[in-house]
N, C-alpha and C. Protein backbone atom coordinates (compact mmCIF):
# COMPACT_ATOMS: atom_id res chain seq x y z
N UNK A 1 -7.92 17.45 21.54
CA UNK A 1 -8.02 16.50 20.47
C UNK A 1 -9.49 16.09 20.46
N UNK A 2 -9.65 15.64 19.00
CA UNK A 2 -10.96 15.36 18.40
C UNK A 2 -11.34 13.92 18.84
N UNK A 3 -12.71 13.74 19.21
CA UNK A 3 -13.26 12.57 19.46
C UNK A 3 -13.13 11.77 18.20
N UNK A 4 -13.37 11.86 17.17
CA UNK A 4 -12.93 11.04 15.98
C UNK A 4 -11.85 11.19 15.55
N UNK A 5 -11.04 10.07 15.65
CA UNK A 5 -9.55 10.09 15.43
C UNK A 5 -9.25 9.74 14.19
N UNK A 6 -10.26 8.89 13.41
CA UNK A 6 -10.13 8.63 11.91
C UNK A 6 -11.19 9.12 11.20
N UNK A 7 -11.24 10.19 10.63
CA UNK A 7 -12.37 10.80 10.10
C UNK A 7 -12.86 10.45 8.81
N UNK A 8 -11.65 9.42 7.84
CA UNK A 8 -11.98 8.60 6.63
C UNK A 8 -12.88 7.80 6.88
N UNK A 9 -12.70 6.94 8.35
CA UNK A 9 -13.60 5.56 8.58
C UNK A 9 -15.17 6.07 8.97
N UNK A 10 -15.04 7.37 9.78
CA UNK A 10 -16.09 7.54 10.27
C UNK A 10 -17.27 8.09 9.30
N UNK A 11 -16.53 8.84 8.45
CA UNK A 11 -17.73 9.25 7.22
C UNK A 11 -18.04 8.26 6.16
N UNK A 12 -17.03 7.40 6.13
CA UNK A 12 -17.39 6.30 5.48
C UNK A 12 -18.55 5.50 6.20
N UNK A 13 -18.33 5.33 7.28
CA UNK A 13 -19.38 4.37 8.21
C UNK A 13 -20.84 5.03 7.99
N UNK A 14 -20.83 6.47 8.36
CA UNK A 14 -22.07 6.94 8.23
C UNK A 14 -22.66 7.15 6.83
N UNK A 15 -21.87 6.98 5.58
CA UNK A 15 -22.33 6.96 4.34
C UNK A 15 -23.07 5.64 4.29
N UNK A 16 -22.25 4.34 4.87
CA UNK A 16 -22.50 3.16 4.35
C UNK A 16 -24.32 3.26 5.32
N UNK A 17 -24.19 3.58 6.72
CA UNK A 17 -25.37 3.70 7.39
C UNK A 17 -26.70 4.23 6.58
N UNK A 18 -25.99 5.20 5.75
CA UNK A 18 -27.38 6.10 5.20
C UNK A 18 -27.77 5.32 4.11
N UNK A 19 -26.93 4.94 3.30
CA UNK A 19 -27.38 3.93 2.12
C UNK A 19 -28.43 2.84 2.85
N UNK A 20 -27.63 2.02 3.99
CA UNK A 20 -28.25 0.82 4.30
C UNK A 20 -29.70 1.46 4.95
N UNK A 21 -29.92 2.36 5.38
CA UNK A 21 -31.08 2.67 5.94
C UNK A 21 -32.23 2.97 4.76
N UNK A 22 -31.63 3.68 3.93
CA UNK A 22 -32.50 4.05 2.68
C UNK A 22 -33.12 2.63 1.99
N UNK A 23 -32.09 1.67 1.90
CA UNK A 23 -32.44 0.23 1.32
C UNK A 23 -33.57 -0.52 2.24
N UNK A 24 -33.30 -0.19 3.68
CA UNK A 24 -34.42 -0.68 4.61
C UNK A 24 -35.50 -0.38 4.41
N UNK A 25 -35.56 1.03 4.49
CA UNK A 25 -36.80 1.67 3.92
C UNK A 25 -37.70 1.58 2.73
N UNK A 26 -37.01 1.50 1.71
CA UNK A 26 -37.38 1.31 0.31
C UNK A 26 -37.83 -0.14 0.26
N UNK A 27 -37.01 -1.17 0.75
CA UNK A 27 -37.72 -2.39 0.77
C UNK A 27 -39.00 -2.92 1.91
N UNK A 28 -39.05 -1.83 2.53
CA UNK A 28 -40.06 -2.33 3.44
C UNK A 28 -41.66 -1.89 3.06
N UNK A 29 -41.50 -1.42 1.61
CA UNK A 29 -42.89 -1.53 0.92
C UNK A 29 -43.32 -2.80 0.30
N UNK A 30 -42.28 -3.50 -0.02
CA UNK A 30 -42.64 -4.84 -0.47
C UNK A 30 -42.49 -6.05 0.76
N UNK A 31 -43.14 -7.29 0.44
CA UNK A 31 -43.17 -8.23 1.37
C UNK A 31 -41.82 -9.19 0.98
N UNK A 32 -41.35 -9.14 2.42
CA UNK A 32 -40.14 -9.91 2.41
C UNK A 32 -40.19 -11.24 2.26
N UNK A 33 -41.04 -12.54 2.65
CA UNK A 33 -41.21 -13.54 2.25
C UNK A 33 -40.48 -14.52 3.15
N UNK A 34 -39.83 -15.51 3.10
CA UNK A 34 -39.09 -16.35 3.61
C UNK A 34 -37.54 -16.54 3.18
N UNK A 35 -36.93 -17.03 3.77
CA UNK A 35 -35.38 -17.70 3.07
C UNK A 35 -35.72 -18.56 1.93
N UNK A 36 -36.65 -19.52 1.96
CA UNK A 36 -36.63 -20.38 1.20
C UNK A 36 -37.76 -20.06 0.04
N UNK A 37 -38.48 -18.86 0.13
CA UNK A 37 -39.36 -18.09 -0.96
C UNK A 37 -39.52 -16.47 -0.35
N UNK A 38 -37.97 -16.35 -1.15
CA UNK A 38 -37.84 -14.71 -0.89
C UNK A 38 -38.85 -13.85 -2.04
N UNK A 39 -39.52 -12.80 -1.03
CA UNK A 39 -40.27 -11.75 -1.53
C UNK A 39 -39.13 -10.57 -2.11
N UNK A 40 -40.02 -9.56 -2.73
CA UNK A 40 -39.44 -8.42 -3.48
C UNK A 40 -38.52 -7.57 -2.61
N UNK A 41 -39.10 -7.74 -1.23
CA UNK A 41 -38.41 -6.80 -0.34
C UNK A 41 -37.30 -7.62 0.77
N UNK A 42 -36.94 -8.98 0.21
CA UNK A 42 -36.08 -9.60 1.28
C UNK A 42 -34.50 -8.91 0.73
N UNK A 43 -34.14 -9.14 -0.37
CA UNK A 43 -32.71 -8.38 -0.68
C UNK A 43 -32.46 -7.25 -0.12
N UNK A 44 -33.09 -6.27 -0.67
CA UNK A 44 -32.80 -4.80 -0.11
C UNK A 44 -32.75 -4.63 1.34
N UNK A 45 -33.66 -5.30 2.16
CA UNK A 45 -33.74 -5.07 3.56
C UNK A 45 -32.42 -5.95 3.98
N UNK A 46 -32.19 -7.21 3.68
CA UNK A 46 -30.99 -7.81 4.00
C UNK A 46 -29.64 -7.07 3.58
N UNK A 47 -29.60 -6.51 2.58
CA UNK A 47 -28.52 -5.91 1.97
C UNK A 47 -28.33 -4.74 2.84
N UNK A 48 -29.45 -4.06 3.00
CA UNK A 48 -29.56 -2.61 3.92
C UNK A 48 -29.22 -2.82 5.46
N UNK A 49 -29.31 -4.02 6.04
CA UNK A 49 -29.15 -4.47 7.44
C UNK A 49 -27.79 -4.79 7.40
N UNK A 50 -27.10 -5.48 6.64
CA UNK A 50 -25.63 -5.71 6.23
C UNK A 50 -24.87 -4.42 6.17
N UNK A 51 -25.52 -3.35 5.44
CA UNK A 51 -24.84 -2.08 5.47
C UNK A 51 -24.61 -1.31 6.66
N UNK A 52 -26.07 -1.37 7.31
CA UNK A 52 -26.09 -0.74 8.45
C UNK A 52 -25.04 -1.17 9.36
N UNK A 53 -24.73 -2.51 9.42
CA UNK A 53 -23.89 -3.17 10.50
C UNK A 53 -22.53 -2.94 10.19
N UNK A 54 -22.24 -2.81 8.83
CA UNK A 54 -21.10 -2.56 8.43
C UNK A 54 -20.52 -1.14 8.57
N UNK A 55 -21.57 -0.07 8.57
CA UNK A 55 -21.11 1.12 8.74
C UNK A 55 -21.03 1.69 10.26
N UNK A 56 -21.76 0.74 10.92
CA UNK A 56 -21.67 1.31 12.44
C UNK A 56 -20.45 0.59 12.84
N UNK A 57 -19.78 -0.69 12.56
CA UNK A 57 -18.55 -1.02 12.90
C UNK A 57 -17.35 -0.23 12.49
N UNK A 58 -17.60 0.50 11.32
CA UNK A 58 -16.57 1.33 10.49
C UNK A 58 -16.60 2.73 11.43
N UNK A 59 -17.83 3.16 11.85
CA UNK A 59 -17.83 4.47 12.38
C UNK A 59 -17.15 4.35 13.95
N UNK A 60 -17.42 3.05 14.61
CA UNK A 60 -17.02 2.90 15.89
C UNK A 60 -15.53 3.06 15.94
N UNK A 61 -15.00 2.06 14.82
CA UNK A 61 -13.65 1.84 14.55
C UNK A 61 -12.86 3.44 14.68
N UNK A 62 -13.51 4.18 14.15
CA UNK A 62 -12.78 5.59 13.97
C UNK A 62 -12.73 6.47 15.19
N UNK A 63 -13.11 5.89 16.31
CA UNK A 63 -12.92 6.24 17.62
C UNK A 63 -11.70 5.66 18.29
N UNK A 64 -11.21 4.71 17.74
CA UNK A 64 -10.18 4.12 18.36
C UNK A 64 -8.79 4.14 17.35
N UNK A 65 -9.13 4.19 16.11
CA UNK A 65 -8.09 4.05 15.48
C UNK A 65 -7.45 5.50 14.93
N UNK A 66 -6.19 5.74 14.80
CA UNK A 66 -5.92 6.85 14.23
C UNK A 66 -5.77 7.32 12.78
N UNK A 67 -6.00 8.06 12.03
CA UNK A 67 -5.89 8.00 10.69
C UNK A 67 -6.03 9.23 10.13
N UNK A 68 -5.66 9.38 8.75
CA UNK A 68 -5.36 10.67 8.00
C UNK A 68 -6.65 11.54 8.08
N UNK A 69 -6.70 13.06 8.02
CA UNK A 69 -7.79 13.72 7.77
C UNK A 69 -8.15 13.62 6.19
N UNK A 70 -9.20 13.86 5.88
CA UNK A 70 -10.09 14.05 4.86
C UNK A 70 -9.51 15.09 4.06
N UNK A 71 -8.53 14.81 2.67
CA UNK A 71 -8.37 15.86 1.66
C UNK A 71 -9.21 16.62 1.32
N UNK A 72 -8.81 17.62 0.65
CA UNK A 72 -10.02 19.02 0.23
C UNK A 72 -10.48 18.39 -1.06
N UNK A 73 -11.65 18.70 -1.40
CA UNK A 73 -12.17 18.19 -2.62
C UNK A 73 -11.57 18.58 -4.04
N UNK A 74 -11.44 17.75 -4.74
CA UNK A 74 -10.46 17.85 -6.01
C UNK A 74 -11.63 18.22 -7.34
N UNK A 75 -11.76 19.05 -8.07
CA UNK A 75 -12.94 19.23 -8.74
C UNK A 75 -12.81 18.83 -10.18
N UNK A 76 -11.81 18.90 -10.63
CA UNK A 76 -11.06 18.51 -11.60
C UNK A 76 -11.34 16.93 -12.24
N UNK A 77 -10.98 16.17 -11.21
CA UNK A 77 -11.41 14.62 -11.77
C UNK A 77 -12.76 14.54 -11.48
N UNK A 78 -13.66 15.05 -10.54
CA UNK A 78 -14.74 14.91 -10.33
C UNK A 78 -15.58 14.97 -11.84
N UNK A 79 -15.23 16.43 -12.38
CA UNK A 79 -16.02 16.84 -13.59
C UNK A 79 -15.40 16.17 -14.33
N UNK A 80 -14.23 15.98 -14.75
CA UNK A 80 -14.06 14.92 -16.04
C UNK A 80 -14.38 13.30 -15.77
N UNK A 81 -14.71 12.87 -14.64
CA UNK A 81 -15.34 11.55 -14.82
C UNK A 81 -16.88 11.71 -15.02
N UNK A 82 -17.61 12.74 -14.35
CA UNK A 82 -18.75 12.98 -14.42
C UNK A 82 -19.31 13.39 -16.27
N UNK A 83 -18.38 14.16 -16.25
CA UNK A 83 -18.50 14.60 -17.89
C UNK A 83 -18.15 13.58 -18.80
N UNK A 84 -17.55 12.70 -18.56
CA UNK A 84 -17.14 11.40 -19.68
C UNK A 84 -18.42 10.85 -19.66
N UNK A 85 -19.08 10.63 -18.42
CA UNK A 85 -20.42 9.63 -18.71
C UNK A 85 -21.59 10.64 -19.24
N UNK A 86 -21.78 11.72 -18.77
CA UNK A 86 -22.68 12.58 -19.74
C UNK A 86 -22.27 12.65 -21.26
N UNK A 87 -20.92 12.78 -21.70
CA UNK A 87 -20.43 12.82 -22.95
C UNK A 87 -20.84 11.31 -23.59
N UNK A 88 -20.65 10.27 -23.36
CA UNK A 88 -21.17 8.94 -23.54
C UNK A 88 -22.53 8.72 -23.78
N UNK A 89 -23.32 9.05 -22.87
CA UNK A 89 -24.92 9.23 -23.02
C UNK A 89 -25.31 10.20 -24.11
N UNK A 90 -24.69 11.20 -24.36
CA UNK A 90 -25.05 12.16 -25.30
C UNK A 90 -24.83 12.09 -26.72
N UNK A 91 -23.74 11.12 -26.96
CA UNK A 91 -23.21 10.59 -28.08
C UNK A 91 -23.22 9.28 -28.74
N UNK A 92 -23.46 8.51 -27.84
CA UNK A 92 -23.59 6.88 -28.02
C UNK A 92 -24.57 6.47 -29.34
N UNK A 93 -25.44 7.28 -29.34
CA UNK A 93 -26.49 6.74 -30.57
C UNK A 93 -26.21 7.47 -32.03
N UNK A 94 -24.92 8.31 -31.74
CA UNK A 94 -24.64 8.88 -32.85
C UNK A 94 -23.50 8.35 -33.52
N UNK A 95 -22.62 8.50 -32.76
CA UNK A 95 -21.08 7.87 -33.00
C UNK A 95 -21.08 6.27 -32.74
N UNK A 96 -22.19 5.55 -32.07
CA UNK A 96 -21.93 3.95 -31.89
C UNK A 96 -21.33 3.84 -30.40
N UNK A 97 -21.47 2.55 -30.22
CA UNK A 97 -20.66 2.04 -28.78
C UNK A 97 -19.60 1.96 -28.71
N UNK A 98 -18.76 1.54 -29.89
CA UNK A 98 -17.66 1.49 -29.66
C UNK A 98 -16.48 3.10 -29.61
N UNK A 99 -17.04 3.70 -30.66
CA UNK A 99 -16.21 5.06 -30.21
C UNK A 99 -16.74 5.98 -28.69
N UNK A 100 -17.93 5.77 -28.63
CA UNK A 100 -18.41 6.46 -27.07
C UNK A 100 -17.62 5.58 -26.17
N UNK A 101 -17.33 4.43 -26.04
CA UNK A 101 -16.84 3.84 -24.84
C UNK A 101 -15.48 4.07 -24.83
N UNK A 102 -14.85 4.29 -25.87
CA UNK A 102 -13.39 4.48 -26.27
C UNK A 102 -13.08 6.12 -25.58
N UNK A 103 -13.92 6.96 -25.92
CA UNK A 103 -13.86 8.26 -25.53
C UNK A 103 -14.42 8.65 -23.93
N UNK A 104 -15.28 7.73 -23.70
CA UNK A 104 -15.41 7.58 -22.27
C UNK A 104 -14.14 7.08 -21.58
N UNK A 105 -13.57 6.25 -21.81
CA UNK A 105 -12.20 5.92 -21.27
C UNK A 105 -11.29 6.74 -21.14
N UNK A 106 -11.21 7.87 -22.47
CA UNK A 106 -9.91 8.52 -22.62
C UNK A 106 -10.09 9.53 -21.77
N UNK A 107 -11.52 10.10 -21.66
CA UNK A 107 -11.69 11.48 -21.11
C UNK A 107 -11.58 11.10 -19.52
N UNK A 108 -12.29 9.83 -18.91
CA UNK A 108 -12.32 9.77 -17.42
C UNK A 108 -10.73 9.56 -16.89
N UNK A 109 -9.78 8.93 -17.63
CA UNK A 109 -8.51 8.49 -17.44
C UNK A 109 -7.91 9.69 -17.49
N UNK A 110 -7.99 10.74 -18.12
CA UNK A 110 -7.33 12.14 -17.91
C UNK A 110 -7.73 12.62 -16.56
N UNK A 111 -8.83 12.20 -16.03
CA UNK A 111 -8.86 12.53 -14.60
C UNK A 111 -7.55 12.42 -13.63
N UNK A 112 -6.66 11.28 -14.06
CA UNK A 112 -6.12 10.81 -13.14
C UNK A 112 -4.52 11.73 -13.48
N UNK A 113 -3.57 11.80 -12.13
CA UNK A 113 -2.40 12.52 -12.52
C UNK A 113 -1.25 11.60 -13.17
N UNK A 114 -2.02 10.23 -13.13
CA UNK A 114 -0.93 9.33 -14.05
C UNK A 114 -1.40 9.07 -14.97
N UNK A 115 -2.21 9.72 -15.72
CA UNK A 115 -2.76 9.48 -17.16
C UNK A 115 -1.69 9.37 -18.45
N UNK A 116 -1.66 8.13 -18.99
CA UNK A 116 -0.87 7.90 -20.04
C UNK A 116 -1.78 7.51 -21.22
N UNK A 117 -1.90 8.21 -22.18
CA UNK A 117 -2.80 8.32 -23.22
C UNK A 117 -2.68 6.97 -24.18
N UNK A 118 -1.64 6.43 -24.53
CA UNK A 118 -1.34 5.14 -24.99
C UNK A 118 -1.92 3.66 -24.41
N UNK A 119 -1.84 3.95 -22.95
CA UNK A 119 -2.66 2.95 -21.91
C UNK A 119 -4.19 3.03 -21.88
N UNK A 120 -4.69 4.54 -22.27
CA UNK A 120 -5.84 4.79 -21.92
C UNK A 120 -6.74 4.39 -23.08
N UNK A 121 -5.87 4.46 -24.53
CA UNK A 121 -6.54 4.05 -25.68
C UNK A 121 -6.63 2.10 -25.80
N UNK A 122 -5.44 1.77 -25.30
CA UNK A 122 -5.63 0.28 -25.41
C UNK A 122 -6.67 -0.10 -24.10
N UNK A 123 -6.98 0.39 -23.02
CA UNK A 123 -8.03 -0.14 -22.31
C UNK A 123 -9.33 0.32 -22.97
N UNK A 124 -9.63 1.58 -23.50
CA UNK A 124 -10.77 2.00 -24.04
C UNK A 124 -11.14 1.14 -25.10
N UNK A 125 -10.08 0.57 -25.94
CA UNK A 125 -10.45 -0.60 -27.22
C UNK A 125 -11.18 -1.87 -26.50
N UNK A 126 -10.24 -2.06 -25.22
CA UNK A 126 -10.49 -3.65 -25.06
C UNK A 126 -11.93 -3.48 -24.19
N UNK A 127 -12.25 -2.48 -23.56
CA UNK A 127 -13.68 -2.22 -22.84
C UNK A 127 -14.70 -2.07 -23.91
N UNK A 128 -14.21 -1.39 -24.89
CA UNK A 128 -15.14 -1.07 -26.23
C UNK A 128 -15.74 -2.51 -26.64
N UNK A 129 -14.60 -3.38 -26.73
CA UNK A 129 -15.18 -4.76 -27.26
C UNK A 129 -15.77 -5.55 -26.38
N UNK A 130 -15.42 -5.34 -25.18
CA UNK A 130 -16.20 -5.78 -24.27
C UNK A 130 -17.72 -5.54 -24.03
N UNK A 131 -17.83 -4.27 -24.03
CA UNK A 131 -19.23 -3.66 -23.91
C UNK A 131 -20.00 -3.88 -25.10
N UNK A 132 -19.51 -3.61 -26.26
CA UNK A 132 -20.22 -4.21 -27.76
C UNK A 132 -20.65 -5.71 -27.30
N UNK A 133 -19.54 -6.70 -26.78
CA UNK A 133 -19.91 -8.33 -26.83
C UNK A 133 -21.02 -8.30 -25.84
N UNK A 134 -21.00 -7.57 -24.71
CA UNK A 134 -21.99 -8.08 -23.69
C UNK A 134 -23.14 -7.13 -24.18
N UNK A 135 -23.37 -5.98 -24.14
CA UNK A 135 -24.56 -5.14 -24.27
C UNK A 135 -24.93 -5.48 -25.74
N UNK A 136 -24.56 -5.32 -26.58
CA UNK A 136 -25.15 -5.15 -28.13
C UNK A 136 -25.22 -6.71 -28.65
N UNK A 137 -24.33 -7.26 -28.60
CA UNK A 137 -24.40 -8.50 -28.99
C UNK A 137 -25.15 -9.87 -27.83
N UNK A 138 -24.62 -9.60 -26.77
CA UNK A 138 -25.08 -10.69 -25.94
C UNK A 138 -26.54 -10.49 -25.33
N UNK A 139 -26.93 -9.37 -24.99
CA UNK A 139 -27.84 -8.62 -24.20
C UNK A 139 -28.91 -8.15 -25.62
N UNK A 140 -28.40 -8.03 -26.69
CA UNK A 140 -29.36 -7.55 -27.75
C UNK A 140 -29.74 -5.99 -27.70
N UNK A 141 -29.31 -5.29 -26.72
CA UNK A 141 -29.70 -3.75 -26.87
C UNK A 141 -29.52 -3.05 -27.85
N UNK A 142 -30.58 -2.22 -28.36
CA UNK A 142 -30.76 -1.82 -29.62
C UNK A 142 -29.79 -0.32 -29.52
N UNK A 143 -28.54 -0.76 -29.69
CA UNK A 143 -27.56 0.32 -29.84
C UNK A 143 -26.64 0.16 -30.97
N UNK A 144 -26.24 1.29 -31.73
CA UNK A 144 -25.58 1.22 -32.74
C UNK A 144 -24.19 0.58 -32.30
N UNK A 145 -23.39 0.06 -33.09
CA UNK A 145 -21.92 -0.06 -32.79
C UNK A 145 -21.06 0.82 -33.30
N UNK A 146 -21.28 1.27 -34.56
CA UNK A 146 -20.41 2.16 -34.99
C UNK A 146 -21.41 3.26 -35.92
N UNK A 147 -20.72 4.43 -36.20
CA UNK A 147 -21.55 5.77 -36.73
C UNK A 147 -22.54 4.87 -37.86
N UNK A 148 -23.73 5.51 -38.14
CA UNK A 148 -24.41 5.40 -39.19
C UNK A 148 -25.23 4.23 -39.29
N UNK A 149 -25.23 3.38 -38.18
CA UNK A 149 -25.90 2.45 -38.20
C UNK A 149 -27.17 2.42 -37.23
N UNK A 150 -27.36 3.51 -36.31
CA UNK A 150 -28.52 3.82 -35.95
C UNK A 150 -29.84 4.32 -36.47
């Protein structure tokens, strides 16, 4: 029997610890300050330390609890989700924020085995409206909303 009884928790903990260690090292270049006057290195270090502790607890828990093995890698969902983000970035200036966001949601939703086109379109339209409201109208980002505005 393997020493690691819950591989998902163990590897999640290792990932958290790696990200936490990176944040602590990256934040060490900046002054930390005090709790009352936080410097630019305060937040990355505190967050990194919290991630290190959480990761250690999660990894240690993997030695006590029994859990499922990690399933094999699924390439189709990975490629569809990453491809949807690349597609969004490639077309947003040409077709606008609204259409790009709807396409992003449609393509990324197709990665699921529970994909329903009608629900994906509704979600895409609602998220496109939210994205336009927040990024274009609220934050004044210079992105066209519709084709031909750029």
